[in-house]
């Protein structure tokens, strides 16, 4: 059961509030009674010990967190034998809450700045051989100065580690709205998987919705669309976005990893200097940009044109008959 407000953990952490409660862990804001500093406690569920896959994920998250030190990451404070994780407390709120306060979308310049900060942080993470795999607004904190911090490496992947599989565990991990097509297919992913997720986050910050929104609570259909169709163009939802930013987004969100930015450093460079981005005449090498919902497919357009021509010819014929055989 979750700890109550005011409860003491190991005599020196006093629970102040519950930040989150999930299937794998409960997260609390607490006070370290030895130093007086606020911290974040991430305590695994008691059932975790009986779930080998979940337990291994927790151990992997702890191992990864110990090795990461960067200004854009929440710092782990607990020691090597921690039964729970202790993180620094960051004054601010989740990007999800911030986005809701701002009406669901942000000014273009602010959205791009947040994406640049996340790209730099993820560039560092990737340089350590780690893929986050669950980038989303809920896992990003933003403070009063607009600085963002990436959190929650619960399903992160160390690229050098061998793959563990369990018969009762689905290989597809992540959050459906932000999962890359390769995650949907159950593949491990790599740095380009995080590139895709950052594209989804930036798209949402600009457009007020993710590229493939879930309709009627049908996550499966949304995931199928992102595997089978090219991404929408953000300027159809937010016309003031520049063609360069749209081109950056479209490249980040390509279905096939080989067609995306191959590193977070490449994407960050384009975001910092969008004026240097070459705007392609077609967004895809093999197909035109996706159509707006009301656009007709080419075959229907052709049939419509032929029908109009036929109607004109029939009308001309009728007029001709009337001219040569006037009514009496």
Protein backbone atom coordinates (compact mmCIF):
# COMPACT_ATOMS: atom_id res chain seq x y z
CA UNK A 1 0.00 0.00 0.00
CA UNK A 2 1.19 3.57 -0.66
CA UNK A 3 2.74 5.45 2.23
CA UNK A 4 0.53 7.99 3.98
CA UNK A 5 1.41 11.68 4.20
CA UNK A 6 3.72 12.17 7.17
CA UNK A 7 4.98 8.58 7.15
CA UNK A 8 8.67 8.02 7.87
CA UNK A 9 10.77 5.83 5.61
CA UNK A 10 13.98 4.50 7.20
CA UNK A 11 13.53 7.16 9.88
CA UNK A 12 15.00 9.96 7.77
CA UNK A 13 12.59 10.48 4.86
CA UNK A 14 9.21 12.02 5.67
CA UNK A 15 6.53 11.74 2.98
CA UNK A 16 4.99 15.08 2.03
CA UNK A 17 2.89 14.19 -1.02
CA UNK A 18 2.23 11.48 -3.61
CA UNK A 19 3.54 12.51 -7.04
CA UNK A 20 2.56 9.39 -8.96
CA UNK A 21 1.37 5.84 -8.40
CA UNK A 22 1.76 3.22 -11.09
CA UNK A 23 2.00 -0.47 -11.74
CA UNK A 24 5.75 -0.61 -11.11
CA UNK A 25 6.43 2.05 -8.48
CA UNK A 26 5.02 4.80 -6.28
CA UNK A 27 6.67 8.22 -6.42
CA UNK A 28 6.66 10.62 -3.46
CA UNK A 29 7.87 14.06 -2.60
CA UNK A 30 9.63 13.74 0.75
CA UNK A 31 11.87 15.68 3.11
CA UNK A 32 15.30 14.34 4.04
CA UNK A 33 15.18 14.93 7.79
CA UNK A 34 18.98 14.90 8.00
CA UNK A 35 19.53 17.79 5.60
CA UNK A 36 16.09 19.40 5.41
CA UNK A 37 16.16 19.13 1.59
CA UNK A 38 13.22 17.95 -0.44
CA UNK A 39 13.78 14.81 -2.50
CA UNK A 40 11.81 12.46 -4.73
CA UNK A 41 11.45 8.82 -3.66
CA UNK A 42 10.68 6.16 -6.22
CA UNK A 43 9.65 3.01 -4.35
CA UNK A 44 8.97 -0.20 -6.29
CA UNK A 45 5.70 -2.00 -5.72
CA UNK A 46 5.92 -4.94 -3.33
CA UNK A 47 4.66 -7.22 -6.10
CA UNK A 48 7.74 -6.35 -8.16
CA UNK A 49 9.85 -8.99 -6.44
CA UNK A 50 7.62 -11.71 -7.90
CA UNK A 51 7.80 -10.36 -11.45
CA UNK A 52 11.21 -11.15 -12.91
CA UNK A 53 10.79 -8.90 -15.95
CA UNK A 54 9.61 -5.90 -13.92
CA UNK A 55 12.31 -6.46 -11.29
CA UNK A 56 15.01 -6.52 -13.96
CA UNK A 57 13.64 -3.27 -15.43
CA UNK A 58 13.84 -1.63 -12.02
CA UNK A 59 17.42 -2.82 -11.53
CA UNK A 60 18.32 -1.60 -15.01
CA UNK A 61 16.78 1.82 -14.34
CA UNK A 62 18.79 2.09 -11.10
CA UNK A 63 22.00 1.11 -12.89
CA UNK A 64 21.39 3.57 -15.73
CA UNK A 65 20.49 6.43 -13.36
CA UNK A 66 23.74 5.94 -11.42
CA UNK A 67 25.80 6.52 -14.55
CA UNK A 68 24.06 9.65 -15.87
CA UNK A 69 25.12 13.16 -14.82
CA UNK A 70 23.87 16.04 -16.93
CA UNK A 71 22.12 19.36 -16.19
CA UNK A 72 19.03 18.31 -18.14
CA UNK A 73 18.56 15.07 -16.17
CA UNK A 74 17.08 14.48 -12.72
CA UNK A 75 20.03 13.47 -10.52
CA UNK A 76 20.02 10.21 -8.56
CA UNK A 77 21.04 10.70 -4.92
CA UNK A 78 20.68 7.21 -3.43
CA UNK A 79 23.60 4.89 -2.81
CA UNK A 80 24.53 1.63 -4.51
CA UNK A 81 22.43 -0.63 -2.24
CA UNK A 82 19.21 1.37 -2.49
CA UNK A 83 15.96 -0.56 -2.01
CA UNK A 84 14.33 2.50 -3.56
CA UNK A 85 15.62 5.41 -5.61
CA UNK A 86 16.14 8.89 -4.21
CA UNK A 87 16.25 11.72 -6.76
CA UNK A 88 16.76 15.43 -6.42
CA UNK A 89 13.53 17.39 -6.19
CA UNK A 90 13.08 19.92 -8.99
CA UNK A 91 10.76 22.85 -8.40
CA UNK A 92 8.39 23.04 -11.33
CA UNK A 93 5.72 20.98 -13.02
CA UNK A 94 5.38 18.39 -15.73
CA UNK A 95 5.38 19.57 -19.31
CA UNK A 96 1.93 17.98 -19.58
CA UNK A 97 0.56 20.23 -16.83
CA UNK A 98 2.34 23.26 -18.26
CA UNK A 99 0.90 22.57 -21.69
CA UNK A 100 -2.61 22.33 -20.25
CA UNK A 101 -2.16 25.68 -18.48
CA UNK A 102 -1.13 27.28 -21.77
CA UNK A 103 -4.22 26.12 -23.64
CA UNK A 104 -2.85 22.94 -25.17
CA UNK A 105 -0.12 24.40 -27.37
CA UNK A 106 2.80 26.82 -27.12
CA UNK A 107 4.22 29.72 -29.13
CA UNK A 108 6.42 28.38 -31.92
CA UNK A 109 9.65 29.84 -30.53
CA UNK A 110 9.04 28.42 -27.05
CA UNK A 111 8.11 24.98 -28.40
CA UNK A 112 11.28 24.84 -30.50
CA UNK A 113 13.40 25.97 -27.52
CA UNK A 114 12.02 23.11 -25.39
CA UNK A 115 12.74 20.66 -28.21
CA UNK A 116 16.33 21.93 -28.49
CA UNK A 117 16.88 21.46 -24.76
CA UNK A 118 15.52 17.92 -24.90
CA UNK A 119 17.60 17.15 -27.98
CA UNK A 120 20.80 18.24 -26.22
CA UNK A 121 19.97 16.14 -23.16
CA UNK A 122 19.15 13.10 -25.29
CA UNK A 123 22.34 13.61 -27.28
CA UNK A 124 24.24 13.16 -24.01
CA UNK A 125 22.11 10.14 -23.06
CA UNK A 126 22.76 8.50 -26.42
CA UNK A 127 26.47 9.16 -26.11
CA UNK A 128 26.36 7.00 -22.96
CA UNK A 129 24.83 4.16 -24.98
CA UNK A 130 21.33 4.64 -23.53
CA UNK A 131 17.99 5.01 -25.34
CA UNK A 132 15.17 6.53 -23.24
CA UNK A 133 12.25 4.96 -25.19
CA UNK A 134 9.52 6.77 -23.25
CA UNK A 135 9.91 10.47 -24.04
CA UNK A 136 6.57 12.24 -23.46
CA UNK A 137 5.35 15.42 -21.72
CA UNK A 138 4.63 13.47 -18.51
CA UNK A 139 8.34 12.59 -18.25
CA UNK A 140 9.58 16.16 -18.69
CA UNK A 141 9.71 18.78 -15.93
CA UNK A 142 9.76 22.51 -16.65
CA UNK A 143 10.67 25.21 -14.13
CA UNK A 144 9.69 28.87 -13.88
CA UNK A 145 12.63 29.90 -16.09
CA UNK A 146 11.67 27.50 -18.88
CA UNK A 147 14.46 25.00 -18.22
CA UNK A 148 13.43 21.41 -18.88
CA UNK A 149 14.55 18.22 -17.17
CA UNK A 150 14.11 14.69 -18.51
CA UNK A 151 13.00 12.04 -16.00
CA UNK A 152 11.95 8.37 -15.74
CA UNK A 153 14.29 5.84 -17.32
CA UNK A 154 11.95 3.00 -16.36
CA UNK A 155 11.97 1.37 -19.82
CA UNK A 156 15.29 2.77 -21.02
CA UNK A 157 17.58 0.50 -22.99
CA UNK A 158 21.33 0.05 -22.66
CA UNK A 159 22.37 -0.72 -26.22
CA UNK A 160 25.33 -2.85 -25.17
CA UNK A 161 23.20 -5.19 -23.03
CA UNK A 162 21.81 -8.45 -24.31
CA UNK A 163 18.09 -8.67 -24.91
CA UNK A 164 16.02 -10.43 -22.27
CA UNK A 165 12.63 -11.78 -23.27
CA UNK A 166 9.85 -13.24 -21.16
CA UNK A 167 6.90 -15.18 -22.46
CA UNK A 168 4.40 -13.14 -20.42
CA UNK A 169 5.82 -9.74 -21.32
CA UNK A 170 4.96 -7.93 -24.53
CA UNK A 171 7.99 -6.81 -26.53
CA UNK A 172 6.21 -3.56 -27.45
CA UNK A 173 7.12 -1.05 -24.74
CA UNK A 174 6.40 2.66 -24.58
CA UNK A 175 3.45 5.03 -24.61
CA UNK A 176 1.29 4.54 -27.74
CA UNK A 177 1.04 8.23 -28.75
CA UNK A 178 4.84 8.61 -28.75
CA UNK A 179 6.04 5.15 -29.73
CA UNK A 180 8.02 4.86 -32.94
CA UNK A 181 6.83 2.35 -35.55
CA UNK A 182 9.69 -0.01 -34.67
CA UNK A 183 8.51 -0.03 -31.04
CA UNK A 184 5.02 -0.91 -32.21
CA UNK A 185 6.55 -3.87 -34.04
CA UNK A 186 8.28 -5.00 -30.83
CA UNK A 187 11.82 -4.07 -31.90
CA UNK A 188 14.36 -2.76 -29.39
CA UNK A 189 14.94 0.58 -31.10
CA UNK A 190 17.95 2.87 -31.00
CA UNK A 191 18.71 6.60 -30.87
CA UNK A 192 16.38 7.17 -33.84
CA UNK A 193 13.51 5.86 -31.70
CA UNK A 194 14.00 8.84 -29.39
CA UNK A 195 14.24 11.11 -32.46
CA UNK A 196 10.74 9.97 -33.43
CA UNK A 197 9.40 10.56 -29.91
CA UNK A 198 10.90 14.06 -29.81
CA UNK A 199 9.19 14.73 -33.15
CA UNK A 200 5.87 13.65 -31.58
CA UNK A 201 6.41 15.93 -28.58
CA UNK A 202 7.33 18.95 -30.70
CA UNK A 203 4.36 18.29 -33.01
CA UNK A 204 2.07 18.27 -29.97
CA UNK A 205 3.57 21.45 -28.50
CA UNK A 206 2.89 23.20 -31.81
CA UNK A 207 -0.39 21.65 -32.95
CA UNK A 208 -2.12 20.81 -29.69
CA UNK A 209 -2.35 17.13 -30.61
CA UNK A 210 -0.01 14.25 -31.36
CA UNK A 211 0.59 13.27 -35.01
CA UNK A 212 -1.59 10.17 -34.72
CA UNK A 213 -4.28 10.92 -32.12
CA UNK A 214 -6.20 8.01 -30.66
CA UNK A 215 -9.79 8.03 -31.91
CA UNK A 216 -12.57 6.47 -29.83
CA UNK A 217 -10.01 5.01 -27.39
CA UNK A 218 -8.65 2.80 -30.19
CA UNK A 219 -4.90 2.73 -29.53
CA UNK A 220 -4.43 -0.18 -31.92
CA UNK A 221 -5.78 1.77 -34.90
CA UNK A 222 -3.60 4.79 -34.07
CA UNK A 223 -0.49 2.60 -33.85
CA UNK A 224 -1.39 0.88 -37.10
CA UNK A 225 -1.67 4.27 -38.84
CA UNK A 226 1.80 5.30 -37.73
CA UNK A 227 3.23 2.01 -39.05
CA UNK A 228 1.44 2.19 -42.41
CA UNK A 229 1.07 5.91 -43.27
CA UNK A 230 3.32 8.92 -43.49
CA UNK A 231 2.95 11.60 -40.82
CA UNK A 232 0.65 14.59 -41.23
CA UNK A 233 2.00 18.06 -41.94
CA UNK A 234 1.94 20.33 -38.93
CA UNK A 235 1.21 23.51 -40.91
CA UNK A 236 -2.24 22.18 -41.77
CA UNK A 237 -3.01 22.49 -38.04
CA UNK A 238 -0.74 25.46 -37.26
CA UNK A 239 -0.19 27.58 -40.41
CA UNK A 240 2.27 30.00 -38.75
CA UNK A 241 4.85 27.23 -38.33
CA UNK A 242 7.63 27.83 -40.85
CA UNK A 243 8.20 25.41 -43.74
CA UNK A 244 11.66 24.69 -42.28
CA UNK A 245 10.29 23.55 -38.90
CA UNK A 246 7.69 21.47 -40.74
CA UNK A 247 10.45 19.83 -42.79
CA UNK A 248 12.41 19.06 -39.59
CA UNK A 249 9.34 17.49 -38.02
CA UNK A 250 8.49 15.48 -41.11
CA UNK A 251 12.01 14.04 -41.23
CA UNK A 252 11.96 13.18 -37.51
CA UNK A 253 8.64 11.37 -37.88
CA UNK A 254 9.42 9.20 -40.91
CA UNK A 255 8.22 5.62 -40.58
CA UNK A 256 11.55 4.06 -41.49
CA UNK A 257 14.42 4.85 -39.09
CA UNK A 258 16.89 5.13 -41.99
CA UNK A 259 14.92 8.12 -43.32
CA UNK A 260 14.93 10.01 -40.01
CA UNK A 261 17.68 12.04 -38.44
CA UNK A 262 20.36 9.50 -37.68
CA UNK A 263 21.38 11.23 -34.45
CA UNK A 264 19.92 13.67 -31.97
CA UNK A 265 22.87 15.96 -32.73
CA UNK A 266 21.69 16.30 -36.35
CA UNK A 267 18.17 17.17 -35.30
CA UNK A 268 19.38 19.65 -32.67
CA UNK A 269 21.57 21.39 -35.25
CA UNK A 270 18.62 21.90 -37.61
CA UNK A 271 16.38 23.11 -34.79
CA UNK A 272 19.00 25.67 -33.76
CA UNK A 273 19.42 26.95 -37.33
CA UNK A 274 16.21 26.21 -39.24
CA UNK A 275 17.04 28.91 -41.79
CA UNK A 276 19.80 26.60 -43.04
CA UNK A 277 17.43 23.68 -43.61
CA UNK A 278 16.78 22.81 -47.23
CA UNK A 279 13.06 22.64 -47.91
CA UNK A 280 12.44 19.64 -50.20
CA UNK A 281 10.08 20.03 -53.14
CA UNK A 282 8.47 16.84 -51.93
CA UNK A 283 8.60 15.78 -48.29
CA UNK A 284 9.16 12.16 -49.20
CA UNK A 285 11.52 10.69 -51.74
CA UNK A 286 9.04 8.02 -52.70
CA UNK A 287 5.67 9.70 -52.30
CA UNK A 288 4.04 13.14 -52.01
CA UNK A 289 3.06 14.61 -48.65
CA UNK A 290 -0.04 13.09 -47.08
CA UNK A 291 -3.36 14.54 -48.12
CA UNK A 292 -5.63 16.59 -45.94
CA UNK A 293 -8.73 14.68 -44.73
CA UNK A 294 -10.93 16.31 -47.41
CA UNK A 295 -8.56 15.74 -50.33
CA UNK A 296 -9.69 13.33 -53.01
CA UNK A 297 -7.38 10.45 -54.02
CA UNK A 298 -5.91 10.77 -57.55
CA UNK A 299 -8.21 8.14 -59.11
CA UNK A 300 -11.31 9.93 -57.86
CA UNK A 301 -9.99 13.25 -59.12
CA UNK A 302 -9.42 11.70 -62.57
CA UNK A 303 -12.92 10.21 -62.66
CA UNK A 304 -14.42 13.55 -61.65
CA UNK A 305 -12.60 15.33 -64.49
CA UNK A 306 -13.70 12.68 -67.01
CA UNK A 307 -17.31 12.97 -65.79
CA UNK A 308 -17.23 16.75 -66.26
CA UNK A 309 -15.82 16.36 -69.79
CA UNK A 310 -18.52 13.80 -70.62
CA UNK A 311 -21.25 16.11 -69.34
CA UNK A 312 -19.87 18.97 -71.46
CA UNK A 313 -19.80 16.77 -74.57
CA UNK A 314 -23.38 15.62 -73.94
CA UNK A 315 -24.50 19.20 -73.45
CA UNK A 316 -22.78 20.27 -76.68
CA UNK A 317 -24.46 17.42 -78.54
CA UNK A 318 -27.90 18.35 -77.20
CA UNK A 319 -27.42 21.99 -78.18
CA UNK A 320 -26.30 20.92 -81.62
CA UNK A 321 -29.43 18.80 -82.09
CA UNK A 322 -31.65 21.68 -80.98
CA UNK A 323 -29.93 24.01 -83.42
CA UNK A 324 -30.39 21.72 -86.41
CA UNK A 325 -33.95 20.59 -85.49
CA UNK A 326 -35.78 23.53 -83.96
CA UNK A 327 -39.08 22.87 -82.25
CA UNK A 328 -42.26 23.52 -84.33
